[in-house]
């Protein structure tokens, strides 16, 4: 598979769906948008950016809740040769002030509900934004700002996409910033195409008859593929939800809009299975579910399939690789593993000496494939550390079995050495979650009285669930090697998590240090 040197991903999608103008592309909380309307509104947004003096390759901050204006903003920016910088909607004014200054964004496209937070950020930073477009404003607009729909109505649609190269910077996504300031990850126009061709079509098997619904928001790499790249590449319909993906909110969309493919994360699937409002199988139309963000415990996947008759295919991707590069496949799911490499990607597990490790041994995960980011913007040190001669270092630990299936062992900075042997926190957590009373668990290292590292588990029980500390320790000891069972165990009401639902073990380690 090859791309022409000149390639604009938005123009590619619009041409691909020219004959589907009347088909529904998006359904959000306010209504529907057809493929024809998506095409026209995106090209109007491109013209509005040009009219505002935003030039090719300049950055535009995209701070929007999931709704029909999000794909219009993203694709319209690409169409104009402008670089959208999609950012998390749950951050603080200080975070946005940093991102505005770091990206030097010349415009901001913002949801009205997020405008006060943005204004606070703009008042704190030294960078001035030339253009501000506000979607669904809740009140009077600040001086110089324009209402989104009015800005689109004031211009004619841009007739043709700005000529861009396939390897031109297309858009940015910020990393989570869990170990410092968020990193601006720069992706190309071609990277979107590659993820659709290598994963969206052959692995997910999406068609224009599918209705896709992603709990992961579109500002994440995972959500961007699920709710834009993949469905629009085949002419499918997408359900968007502005609110948080609570079990109740998710169930309402399942029942009302009948999505056929749902994209979630392990925490979300666990919460839904624990909900008393879990809908019956006959009330939904799910044919397949996808999980990413953290490794999916096999016990959760098996319970979900028993209830809905629907497989959850677990996979691993990253902001740096844009989407999933190791995955289980429909009809080929090995519970408890992340599956096998996606065709088109090379995967290696390397030891501390940089050499490949044999099957069964834990190694650092490296990936090589065509969707890798160009760099971290203005961060040469981190770029060199992550992007190494065509290979991308993921920061994850994995093992591979003799059949070529990969099993998650934890983040590199989460791994524990107990009695001189590596212990995967995820393995202990997954075992704890097999207990019928346990909803969630997180495991870290804690020094004992002799200064030796032992495992400590933080456990969240299900509503109405009951278990003692000794009972859970014995439960793990019966199923794993003795040195792995948690010597310390603490019951908690909830676990600290990122906006994507990933457990923040570093916060638990900080809590222990302060205790």
Protein backbone atom coordinates (compact mmCIF):
# COMPACT_ATOMS: atom_id res chain seq x y z
CA UNK A 1 0.00 0.00 0.00
CA UNK A 2 1.31 3.41 -0.95
CA UNK A 3 0.09 6.98 -0.89
CA UNK A 4 0.74 9.70 -3.45
CA UNK A 5 3.25 12.35 -2.36
CA UNK A 6 0.45 14.93 -2.31
CA UNK A 7 -2.28 13.89 0.10
CA UNK A 8 -4.80 15.72 2.27
CA UNK A 9 -6.67 13.35 4.58
CA UNK A 10 -9.81 15.49 4.84
CA UNK A 11 -10.00 15.84 1.06
CA UNK A 12 -9.50 12.08 0.78
CA UNK A 13 -12.46 11.37 3.11
CA UNK A 14 -14.79 13.80 1.40
CA UNK A 15 -14.03 12.30 -2.01
CA UNK A 16 -14.44 8.79 -0.62
CA UNK A 17 -17.94 9.59 0.65
CA UNK A 18 -19.15 11.77 -2.23
CA UNK A 19 -21.85 9.24 -3.14
CA UNK A 20 -23.00 8.95 0.49
CA UNK A 21 -24.10 12.58 0.86
CA UNK A 22 -27.53 11.64 2.22
CA UNK A 23 -26.29 9.00 4.68
CA UNK A 24 -25.99 9.86 8.37
CA UNK A 25 -22.40 10.45 9.40
CA UNK A 26 -22.90 11.63 13.00
CA UNK A 27 -25.57 11.59 15.70
CA UNK A 28 -24.87 13.81 18.68
CA UNK A 29 -26.94 15.12 21.60
CA UNK A 30 -28.56 17.79 19.40
CA UNK A 31 -29.29 15.95 16.16
CA UNK A 32 -27.83 14.28 13.09
CA UNK A 33 -25.35 15.37 10.41
CA UNK A 34 -25.19 13.72 6.99
CA UNK A 35 -22.02 13.07 5.04
CA UNK A 36 -22.99 15.90 2.71
CA UNK A 37 -23.40 18.30 5.63
CA UNK A 38 -20.09 17.17 7.13
CA UNK A 39 -18.39 17.87 3.80
CA UNK A 40 -19.93 21.32 3.38
CA UNK A 41 -19.55 22.50 6.98
CA UNK A 42 -15.92 21.34 7.13
CA UNK A 43 -15.10 23.19 3.92
CA UNK A 44 -16.83 26.29 5.30
CA UNK A 45 -14.72 26.02 8.46
CA UNK A 46 -11.61 25.82 6.27
CA UNK A 47 -12.70 28.99 4.46
CA UNK A 48 -13.47 30.73 7.77
CA UNK A 49 -9.97 29.99 9.05
CA UNK A 50 -8.45 31.37 5.85
CA UNK A 51 -10.68 34.46 6.07
CA UNK A 52 -9.41 35.02 9.61
CA UNK A 53 -5.85 35.04 8.31
CA UNK A 54 -4.84 31.64 9.70
CA UNK A 55 -2.09 30.38 7.42
CA UNK A 56 -1.02 26.94 6.33
CA UNK A 57 0.79 24.93 9.03
CA UNK A 58 -0.19 27.32 11.82
CA UNK A 59 -1.75 25.63 14.83
CA UNK A 60 -5.37 25.83 15.97
CA UNK A 61 -6.30 24.66 19.48
CA UNK A 62 -9.35 22.38 19.41
CA UNK A 63 -10.98 22.46 22.86
CA UNK A 64 -14.40 20.93 22.27
CA UNK A 65 -16.79 18.46 23.81
CA UNK A 66 -17.71 15.52 21.59
CA UNK A 67 -20.42 16.71 19.22
CA UNK A 68 -20.97 17.32 15.52
CA UNK A 69 -18.83 20.47 15.54
CA UNK A 70 -15.77 18.43 16.61
CA UNK A 71 -15.25 16.49 13.34
CA UNK A 72 -16.15 19.64 11.38
CA UNK A 73 -13.39 21.52 13.22
CA UNK A 74 -10.80 18.79 12.88
CA UNK A 75 -11.44 17.98 9.21
CA UNK A 76 -11.96 21.61 8.25
CA UNK A 77 -8.58 22.48 9.72
CA UNK A 78 -6.88 19.64 7.83
CA UNK A 79 -8.64 20.70 4.63
CA UNK A 80 -7.21 24.23 5.04
CA UNK A 81 -3.69 22.88 5.64
CA UNK A 82 -3.95 24.18 9.21
CA UNK A 83 -2.81 21.95 12.09
CA UNK A 84 -5.51 21.18 14.71
CA UNK A 85 -4.19 20.57 18.21
CA UNK A 86 -6.84 18.41 19.90
CA UNK A 87 -6.74 18.73 23.69
CA UNK A 88 -8.36 17.08 26.68
CA UNK A 89 -11.50 18.90 27.88
CA UNK A 90 -10.92 18.02 31.56
CA UNK A 91 -7.75 20.01 32.20
CA UNK A 92 -7.05 23.15 34.23
CA UNK A 93 -6.54 26.74 33.04
CA UNK A 94 -2.82 26.35 33.76
CA UNK A 95 -2.69 23.31 31.44
CA UNK A 96 -4.37 25.22 28.62
CA UNK A 97 -2.17 28.26 29.18
CA UNK A 98 0.86 26.00 28.74
CA UNK A 99 -0.58 24.37 25.59
CA UNK A 100 -1.47 27.71 24.00
CA UNK A 101 2.04 28.99 24.59
CA UNK A 102 3.77 25.73 23.63
CA UNK A 103 1.79 25.23 20.40
CA UNK A 104 1.68 28.96 19.59
CA UNK A 105 -1.90 28.41 18.45
CA UNK A 106 -3.22 31.26 16.32
CA UNK A 107 -6.88 30.33 16.83
CA UNK A 108 -9.02 28.41 19.29
CA UNK A 109 -12.18 26.45 18.47
CA UNK A 110 -14.00 25.99 21.77
CA UNK A 111 -17.30 24.67 23.14
CA UNK A 112 -19.34 27.32 24.94
CA UNK A 113 -19.36 25.25 28.14
CA UNK A 114 -15.54 25.38 28.20
CA UNK A 115 -15.19 29.07 27.33
CA UNK A 116 -14.78 30.32 30.94
CA UNK A 117 -11.92 27.89 31.55
CA UNK A 118 -10.29 28.93 28.28
CA UNK A 119 -10.66 32.64 29.12
CA UNK A 120 -8.94 32.04 32.46
CA UNK A 121 -6.12 30.24 30.63
CA UNK A 122 -5.75 33.07 28.13
CA UNK A 123 -5.53 35.61 30.95
CA UNK A 124 -2.65 33.68 32.53
CA UNK A 125 -0.53 33.05 29.45
CA UNK A 126 1.64 35.39 27.46
CA UNK A 127 0.55 34.08 24.05
CA UNK A 128 -2.14 36.01 22.18
CA UNK A 129 -4.74 34.21 20.06
CA UNK A 130 -5.90 35.99 16.90
CA UNK A 131 -9.18 34.13 16.33
CA UNK A 132 -11.74 32.58 18.70
CA UNK A 133 -14.73 30.58 17.42
CA UNK A 134 -17.27 29.46 20.03
CA UNK A 135 -19.58 26.49 19.45
CA UNK A 136 -22.95 26.65 21.24
CA UNK A 137 -22.18 29.71 23.39
CA UNK A 138 -24.03 29.84 26.72
CA UNK A 139 -24.07 33.63 26.91
CA UNK A 140 -22.53 36.78 25.52
CA UNK A 141 -19.30 36.29 23.60
CA UNK A 142 -16.06 37.98 24.65
CA UNK A 143 -14.83 40.86 22.50
CA UNK A 144 -13.46 39.68 19.16
CA UNK A 145 -14.95 36.18 19.38
CA UNK A 146 -17.31 34.73 16.77
CA UNK A 147 -20.13 32.24 17.09
CA UNK A 148 -19.17 29.04 15.28
CA UNK A 149 -22.24 28.70 13.04
CA UNK A 150 -22.21 32.40 12.17
CA UNK A 151 -18.56 32.21 11.11
CA UNK A 152 -19.37 29.27 8.81
CA UNK A 153 -22.43 30.98 7.35
CA UNK A 154 -20.39 34.08 6.47
CA UNK A 155 -18.16 32.28 3.93
CA UNK A 156 -18.53 30.02 0.92
CA UNK A 157 -17.13 26.49 1.25
CA UNK A 158 -13.47 26.20 0.23
CA UNK A 159 -13.59 24.61 -3.22
CA UNK A 160 -10.61 22.29 -2.93
CA UNK A 161 -8.23 21.14 -0.18
CA UNK A 162 -4.97 22.94 0.36
CA UNK A 163 -2.20 20.92 -1.25
CA UNK A 164 -0.38 19.06 1.50
CA UNK A 165 2.18 16.28 1.42
CA UNK A 166 1.35 12.93 2.97
CA UNK A 167 4.22 13.45 5.43
CA UNK A 168 3.34 17.05 6.25
CA UNK A 169 2.40 17.74 9.89
CA UNK A 170 -1.36 17.20 9.97
CA UNK A 171 -2.37 17.45 13.63
CA UNK A 172 -1.11 17.24 17.19
CA UNK A 173 -2.21 15.23 20.19
CA UNK A 174 -0.83 15.94 23.66
CA UNK A 175 0.47 13.08 25.77
CA UNK A 176 -0.98 12.59 29.23
CA UNK A 177 1.85 14.41 30.94
CA UNK A 178 1.89 11.94 33.86
CA UNK A 179 5.66 12.32 34.23
CA UNK A 180 6.00 16.04 33.54
CA UNK A 181 4.64 18.60 31.09
CA UNK A 182 2.44 17.14 28.32
CA UNK A 183 4.33 16.44 25.10
CA UNK A 184 2.98 17.75 21.78
CA UNK A 185 2.96 14.64 19.58
CA UNK A 186 3.10 15.63 15.89
CA UNK A 187 1.31 13.36 13.40
CA UNK A 188 1.05 13.51 9.62
CA UNK A 189 -1.88 13.40 7.18
CA UNK A 190 -0.76 9.91 6.13
CA UNK A 191 -0.79 8.52 9.67
CA UNK A 192 -4.60 8.69 9.80
CA UNK A 193 -4.85 6.79 6.51
CA UNK A 194 -2.43 4.12 7.68
CA UNK A 195 -4.36 3.33 10.87
CA UNK A 196 -7.57 2.91 8.88
CA UNK A 197 -5.95 0.65 6.29
CA UNK A 198 -3.96 -1.50 8.75
CA UNK A 199 -6.37 -1.73 11.68
CA UNK A 200 -9.80 -0.15 11.12
CA UNK A 201 -10.69 -2.10 8.01
CA UNK A 202 -8.91 -5.48 8.29
CA UNK A 203 -9.06 -6.03 12.08
CA UNK A 204 -12.33 -4.37 13.07
CA UNK A 205 -13.97 -5.24 9.76
CA UNK A 206 -16.08 -2.08 9.80
CA UNK A 207 -18.59 -1.49 6.98
CA UNK A 208 -21.00 1.31 6.09
CA UNK A 209 -23.75 -0.64 7.87
CA UNK A 210 -22.05 -0.25 11.26
CA UNK A 211 -23.00 2.27 13.92
CA UNK A 212 -19.92 3.12 16.03
CA UNK A 213 -19.93 4.52 19.56
CA UNK A 214 -16.74 5.33 21.49
CA UNK A 215 -16.60 6.00 25.22
CA UNK A 216 -13.08 7.35 24.66
CA UNK A 217 -13.38 10.98 23.56
CA UNK A 218 -12.18 12.22 20.20
CA UNK A 219 -9.26 14.23 21.62
CA UNK A 220 -7.55 10.91 22.46
CA UNK A 221 -5.73 8.91 19.80
CA UNK A 222 -7.96 5.90 20.56
CA UNK A 223 -11.18 7.91 20.32
CA UNK A 224 -10.06 9.76 17.19
CA UNK A 225 -9.67 6.49 15.33
CA UNK A 226 -12.89 5.00 16.72
CA UNK A 227 -15.15 7.97 16.07
CA UNK A 228 -13.61 9.58 12.99
CA UNK A 229 -10.84 7.86 11.06
CA UNK A 230 -12.23 4.33 10.92
CA UNK A 231 -15.99 4.88 10.48
CA UNK A 232 -15.58 7.72 7.97
CA UNK A 233 -13.17 5.59 5.94
CA UNK A 234 -16.00 3.10 5.26
CA UNK A 235 -19.07 5.36 5.37
CA UNK A 236 -20.40 4.17 8.75
CA UNK A 237 -22.45 6.17 11.27
CA UNK A 238 -21.01 7.50 14.55
CA UNK A 239 -22.78 8.27 17.84
CA UNK A 240 -21.17 11.12 19.81
CA UNK A 241 -21.74 11.94 23.49
CA UNK A 242 -20.65 15.16 25.19
CA UNK A 243 -21.14 13.96 28.77
CA UNK A 244 -18.93 11.60 30.74
CA UNK A 245 -19.26 7.94 29.71
CA UNK A 246 -20.93 6.71 32.89
CA UNK A 247 -22.66 3.32 32.71
CA UNK A 248 -26.10 4.94 32.63
CA UNK A 249 -25.13 7.40 29.88
CA UNK A 250 -23.58 4.60 27.85
CA UNK A 251 -26.58 2.30 28.27
CA UNK A 252 -28.95 5.03 27.03
CA UNK A 253 -27.04 5.29 23.75
CA UNK A 254 -26.82 1.52 23.40
CA UNK A 255 -30.58 1.18 23.68
CA UNK A 256 -31.63 4.32 21.77
CA UNK A 257 -29.16 4.38 18.86
CA UNK A 258 -28.35 0.66 18.68
CA UNK A 259 -24.59 0.89 17.99
CA UNK A 260 -23.12 -2.28 16.52
CA UNK A 261 -19.52 -1.58 17.61
CA UNK A 262 -18.61 -0.08 20.98
CA UNK A 263 -15.14 1.14 21.98
CA UNK A 264 -14.33 1.30 25.69
CA UNK A 265 -11.67 0.78 28.34
CA UNK A 266 -11.30 -1.88 31.06
CA UNK A 267 -12.48 0.43 33.84
CA UNK A 268 -15.63 1.25 31.90
CA UNK A 269 -16.44 -2.37 31.13
CA UNK A 270 -15.96 -3.31 34.81
CA UNK A 271 -18.25 -0.48 35.91
CA UNK A 272 -20.96 -1.44 33.44
CA UNK A 273 -20.91 -5.09 34.47
CA UNK A 274 -21.28 -4.01 38.11
CA UNK A 275 -24.26 -1.74 37.36
CA UNK A 276 -27.76 -2.92 38.35
CA UNK A 277 -29.05 -1.18 35.19
CA UNK A 278 -27.05 -3.36 32.78
CA UNK A 279 -29.44 -3.83 29.83
CA UNK A 280 -30.40 -7.33 28.67
CA UNK A 281 -28.83 -8.80 25.55
CA UNK A 282 -31.99 -8.34 23.48
CA UNK A 283 -32.09 -4.57 24.16
CA UNK A 284 -28.81 -3.85 22.33
CA UNK A 285 -27.36 -4.49 18.85
CA UNK A 286 -23.68 -4.96 19.71
CA UNK A 287 -21.76 -7.28 17.39
CA UNK A 288 -18.29 -6.44 18.72
CA UNK A 289 -16.56 -4.36 21.37
CA UNK A 290 -13.01 -3.03 21.55
CA UNK A 291 -10.93 -2.27 24.62
CA UNK A 292 -7.69 -0.30 24.97
CA UNK A 293 -6.00 2.13 27.33
CA UNK A 294 -4.96 -0.61 29.76
CA UNK A 295 -4.83 -4.38 29.48
CA UNK A 296 -8.26 -5.99 29.77
CA UNK A 297 -8.58 -8.64 32.50
CA UNK A 298 -9.81 -11.87 30.95
CA UNK A 299 -12.43 -12.28 33.67
CA UNK A 300 -14.16 -9.06 32.61
CA UNK A 301 -14.14 -10.04 28.93
CA UNK A 302 -15.60 -13.47 29.69
CA UNK A 303 -18.40 -12.07 31.87
CA UNK A 304 -19.25 -9.51 29.20
CA UNK A 305 -19.43 -12.15 26.48
CA UNK A 306 -21.56 -14.40 28.68
CA UNK A 307 -24.10 -11.58 29.12
CA UNK A 308 -24.15 -10.03 25.63
CA UNK A 309 -22.79 -12.83 23.43
CA UNK A 310 -20.33 -10.24 22.15
CA UNK A 311 -16.54 -10.45 22.12
CA UNK A 312 -14.31 -7.69 23.47
CA UNK A 313 -11.12 -7.54 21.43
CA UNK A 314 -8.32 -6.13 23.55
CA UNK A 315 -5.46 -4.21 21.96
CA UNK A 316 -2.66 -1.81 22.74
CA UNK A 317 -1.92 1.45 20.99
CA UNK A 318 -0.34 4.75 21.97
CA UNK A 319 -0.45 8.47 21.23
CA UNK A 320 2.93 8.07 19.54
CA UNK A 321 1.72 5.29 17.18
CA UNK A 322 -1.75 6.89 16.84
CA UNK A 323 -3.74 3.69 17.28
CA UNK A 324 -3.58 -0.04 18.00
CA UNK A 325 -0.61 -2.12 16.80
CA UNK A 326 -1.12 -5.37 18.78
CA UNK A 327 -4.61 -6.79 18.97
CA UNK A 328 -6.88 -9.74 19.42
CA UNK A 329 -9.15 -10.29 16.43
CA UNK A 330 -12.84 -11.16 16.07
CA UNK A 331 -13.04 -14.94 16.26
CA UNK A 332 -9.44 -15.12 17.53
CA UNK A 333 -9.56 -13.79 21.07
CA UNK A 334 -7.21 -15.24 23.64
CA UNK A 335 -8.50 -13.83 26.92
CA UNK A 336 -5.84 -12.34 29.16
CA UNK A 337 -3.55 -11.48 26.24
CA UNK A 338 -3.35 -8.43 23.99
CA UNK A 339 -3.23 -10.67 20.92
CA UNK A 340 -0.75 -10.61 18.05
CA UNK A 341 0.89 -7.76 16.08
CA UNK A 342 -1.32 -6.02 13.55
CA UNK A 343 -0.12 -6.71 10.03
CA UNK A 344 2.06 -3.82 8.85
CA UNK A 345 3.69 -3.34 12.26
CA UNK A 346 6.86 -4.97 13.61
CA UNK A 347 7.15 -5.64 17.33
CA UNK A 348 10.22 -6.48 19.45
CA UNK A 349 10.66 -7.18 23.15
CA UNK A 350 14.09 -6.11 24.36
CA UNK A 351 15.96 -6.64 27.58
CA UNK A 352 17.93 -4.08 29.55
CA UNK A 353 20.90 -4.76 27.25
CA UNK A 354 18.83 -3.75 24.21
CA UNK A 355 18.76 -7.26 22.78
CA UNK A 356 15.59 -9.27 22.01
CA UNK A 357 14.43 -11.48 24.89
CA UNK A 358 13.28 -15.09 24.41
CA UNK A 359 9.63 -16.14 24.62
CA UNK A 360 8.30 -16.13 28.15
CA UNK A 361 10.63 -13.41 29.43
CA UNK A 362 9.56 -9.84 30.19
CA UNK A 363 10.94 -7.21 27.82
CA UNK A 364 10.49 -3.57 26.83
CA UNK A 365 8.07 -3.13 23.95
CA UNK A 366 9.33 -1.50 20.73
CA UNK A 367 7.21 -0.94 17.61
CA UNK A 368 7.99 -0.05 14.03
CA UNK A 369 5.23 0.99 11.65
CA UNK A 370 4.05 3.69 9.23
CA UNK A 371 1.74 5.53 11.68
CA UNK A 372 4.51 6.62 14.05
CA UNK A 373 4.57 10.30 15.02
CA UNK A 374 7.22 12.59 13.61
CA UNK A 375 8.43 13.92 16.99
CA UNK A 376 7.52 15.67 20.18
CA UNK A 377 7.31 19.36 19.36
CA UNK A 378 10.25 21.37 20.73
CA UNK A 379 11.46 18.46 22.85
CA UNK A 380 14.52 16.92 21.21
CA UNK A 381 15.61 14.94 24.27
CA UNK A 382 12.30 13.10 24.67
CA UNK A 383 11.99 12.65 20.91
CA UNK A 384 15.35 10.89 20.76
CA UNK A 385 14.47 8.76 23.78
CA UNK A 386 11.17 7.54 22.25
CA UNK A 387 11.73 7.55 18.47
CA UNK A 388 14.82 5.44 17.86
CA UNK A 389 15.87 4.85 14.27
CA UNK A 390 12.46 3.88 12.97
CA UNK A 391 11.48 2.13 16.21
CA UNK A 392 9.22 3.63 18.85
CA UNK A 393 9.79 2.73 22.50
CA UNK A 394 6.38 2.38 24.12
CA UNK A 395 7.33 2.33 27.79
CA UNK A 396 5.38 -0.91 28.31
CA UNK A 397 6.61 -4.31 29.50
CA UNK A 398 5.33 -7.44 27.75
CA UNK A 399 5.92 -11.15 27.38
CA UNK A 400 5.33 -13.24 24.25
CA UNK A 401 4.31 -16.90 24.27
CA UNK A 402 5.35 -19.61 21.82
CA UNK A 403 2.23 -18.97 19.70
CA UNK A 404 3.11 -15.31 19.21
CA UNK A 405 0.51 -13.84 21.60
CA UNK A 406 1.61 -10.89 23.75
CA UNK A 407 0.68 -10.47 27.41
CA UNK A 408 0.89 -7.16 29.24
CA UNK A 409 3.26 -7.03 32.20
CA UNK A 410 2.87 -3.36 33.17
CA UNK A 411 4.38 0.01 32.45
CA UNK A 412 8.15 0.09 32.62
CA UNK A 413 8.05 2.49 35.57
CA UNK A 414 5.39 0.36 37.35
CA UNK A 415 7.30 -2.96 37.32
CA UNK A 416 8.37 -4.36 40.67
CA UNK A 417 11.34 -6.48 41.65
CA UNK A 418 10.42 -8.76 44.52
CA UNK A 419 13.00 -11.26 45.83
CA UNK A 420 15.13 -10.32 42.82
CA UNK A 421 12.42 -11.32 40.35
CA UNK A 422 10.23 -9.00 38.23
CA UNK A 423 6.56 -8.94 39.25
CA UNK A 424 3.89 -7.50 36.97
CA UNK A 425 1.39 -5.36 38.90
CA UNK A 426 -1.21 -6.16 36.26
CA UNK A 427 -0.91 -9.91 36.86
CA UNK A 428 -1.65 -9.47 40.58
CA UNK A 429 -4.45 -7.00 39.84
CA UNK A 430 -6.09 -9.30 37.31
CA UNK A 431 -5.98 -12.17 39.82
CA UNK A 432 -7.57 -10.06 42.56
CA UNK A 433 -10.34 -9.07 40.16
CA UNK A 434 -11.26 -12.71 39.69
CA UNK A 435 -12.62 -12.63 43.26
CA UNK A 436 -16.40 -12.11 43.10
CA UNK A 437 -16.35 -9.24 45.62
CA UNK A 438 -13.62 -7.17 43.91
CA UNK A 439 -14.48 -4.40 41.44
CA UNK A 440 -11.00 -2.93 40.86
CA UNK A 441 -7.46 -3.28 42.15
CA UNK A 442 -4.13 -1.50 41.77
CA UNK A 443 -0.76 -2.84 42.88
CA UNK A 444 2.45 -0.95 43.70
CA UNK A 445 5.70 -1.70 45.53
CA UNK A 446 6.08 -0.93 49.22
CA UNK A 447 9.12 -1.38 51.42
CA UNK A 448 8.71 -3.66 54.42
CA UNK A 449 10.37 -3.17 57.81
CA UNK A 450 13.63 -4.56 56.43
CA UNK A 451 13.67 -2.15 53.48
CA UNK A 452 12.75 -4.87 50.98
CA UNK A 453 10.18 -4.26 48.22
CA UNK A 454 6.93 -6.19 48.54
CA UNK A 455 3.62 -5.85 46.69
CA UNK A 456 0.82 -3.71 48.10
CA UNK A 457 -2.72 -3.87 46.71
CA UNK A 458 -5.36 -1.14 46.81
CA UNK A 459 -8.77 -2.78 46.40
CA UNK A 460 -12.21 -1.38 45.55
CA UNK A 461 -15.05 -3.72 46.45
CA UNK A 462 -18.29 -3.98 44.49
CA UNK A 463 -21.42 -2.47 45.99
CA UNK A 464 -22.58 -5.05 48.49
CA UNK A 465 -19.35 -7.04 48.12
CA UNK A 466 -17.56 -8.32 51.20
CA UNK A 467 -14.05 -9.72 51.62
CA UNK A 468 -11.34 -9.59 54.26
CA UNK A 469 -7.69 -8.75 53.81
CA UNK A 470 -6.60 -12.27 54.71
CA UNK A 471 -9.17 -13.79 52.37
CA UNK A 472 -7.90 -11.82 49.37
CA UNK A 473 -4.25 -12.52 50.16
CA UNK A 474 -4.99 -16.23 50.31
CA UNK A 475 -7.01 -16.00 47.09
CA UNK A 476 -3.97 -14.61 45.21
CA UNK A 477 -1.50 -16.97 46.88
CA UNK A 478 -3.51 -19.96 45.65
CA UNK A 479 -3.28 -18.76 42.04
CA UNK A 480 0.17 -17.16 41.70
CA UNK A 481 3.72 -17.81 42.81
CA UNK A 482 4.00 -17.14 46.57
CA UNK A 483 6.33 -14.14 46.23
CA UNK A 484 3.71 -12.30 44.13
CA UNK A 485 0.81 -12.17 46.57
CA UNK A 486 0.22 -8.73 48.18
CA UNK A 487 1.91 -8.58 51.57
CA UNK A 488 0.03 -5.33 52.19
CA UNK A 489 -3.60 -4.67 51.26
CA UNK A 490 -5.76 -1.57 51.69
CA UNK A 491 -9.45 -1.17 50.89
CA UNK A 492 -10.28 2.16 49.19
CA UNK A 493 -13.45 3.78 47.83
CA UNK A 494 -11.90 4.56 44.44
CA UNK A 495 -8.63 4.53 42.53
CA UNK A 496 -6.93 7.60 41.01
CA UNK A 497 -7.30 7.57 37.23
CA UNK A 498 -6.57 9.61 34.14
CA UNK A 499 -9.41 10.99 32.01
CA UNK A 500 -9.12 7.86 29.86
CA UNK A 501 -9.68 5.58 32.83
CA UNK A 502 -6.07 4.46 33.25
CA UNK A 503 -5.07 3.79 36.85
CA UNK A 504 -2.45 6.29 38.07
CA UNK A 505 -0.23 4.04 40.16
CA UNK A 506 2.29 6.87 40.57
CA UNK A 507 -0.31 8.72 42.67
CA UNK A 508 -0.64 5.69 44.91
CA UNK A 509 3.16 5.59 45.25
CA UNK A 510 3.13 9.29 46.20
CA UNK A 511 0.45 8.57 48.82
CA UNK A 512 2.62 5.84 50.33
CA UNK A 513 5.69 8.08 50.48
CA UNK A 514 3.69 10.75 52.31
CA UNK A 515 2.17 8.28 54.78
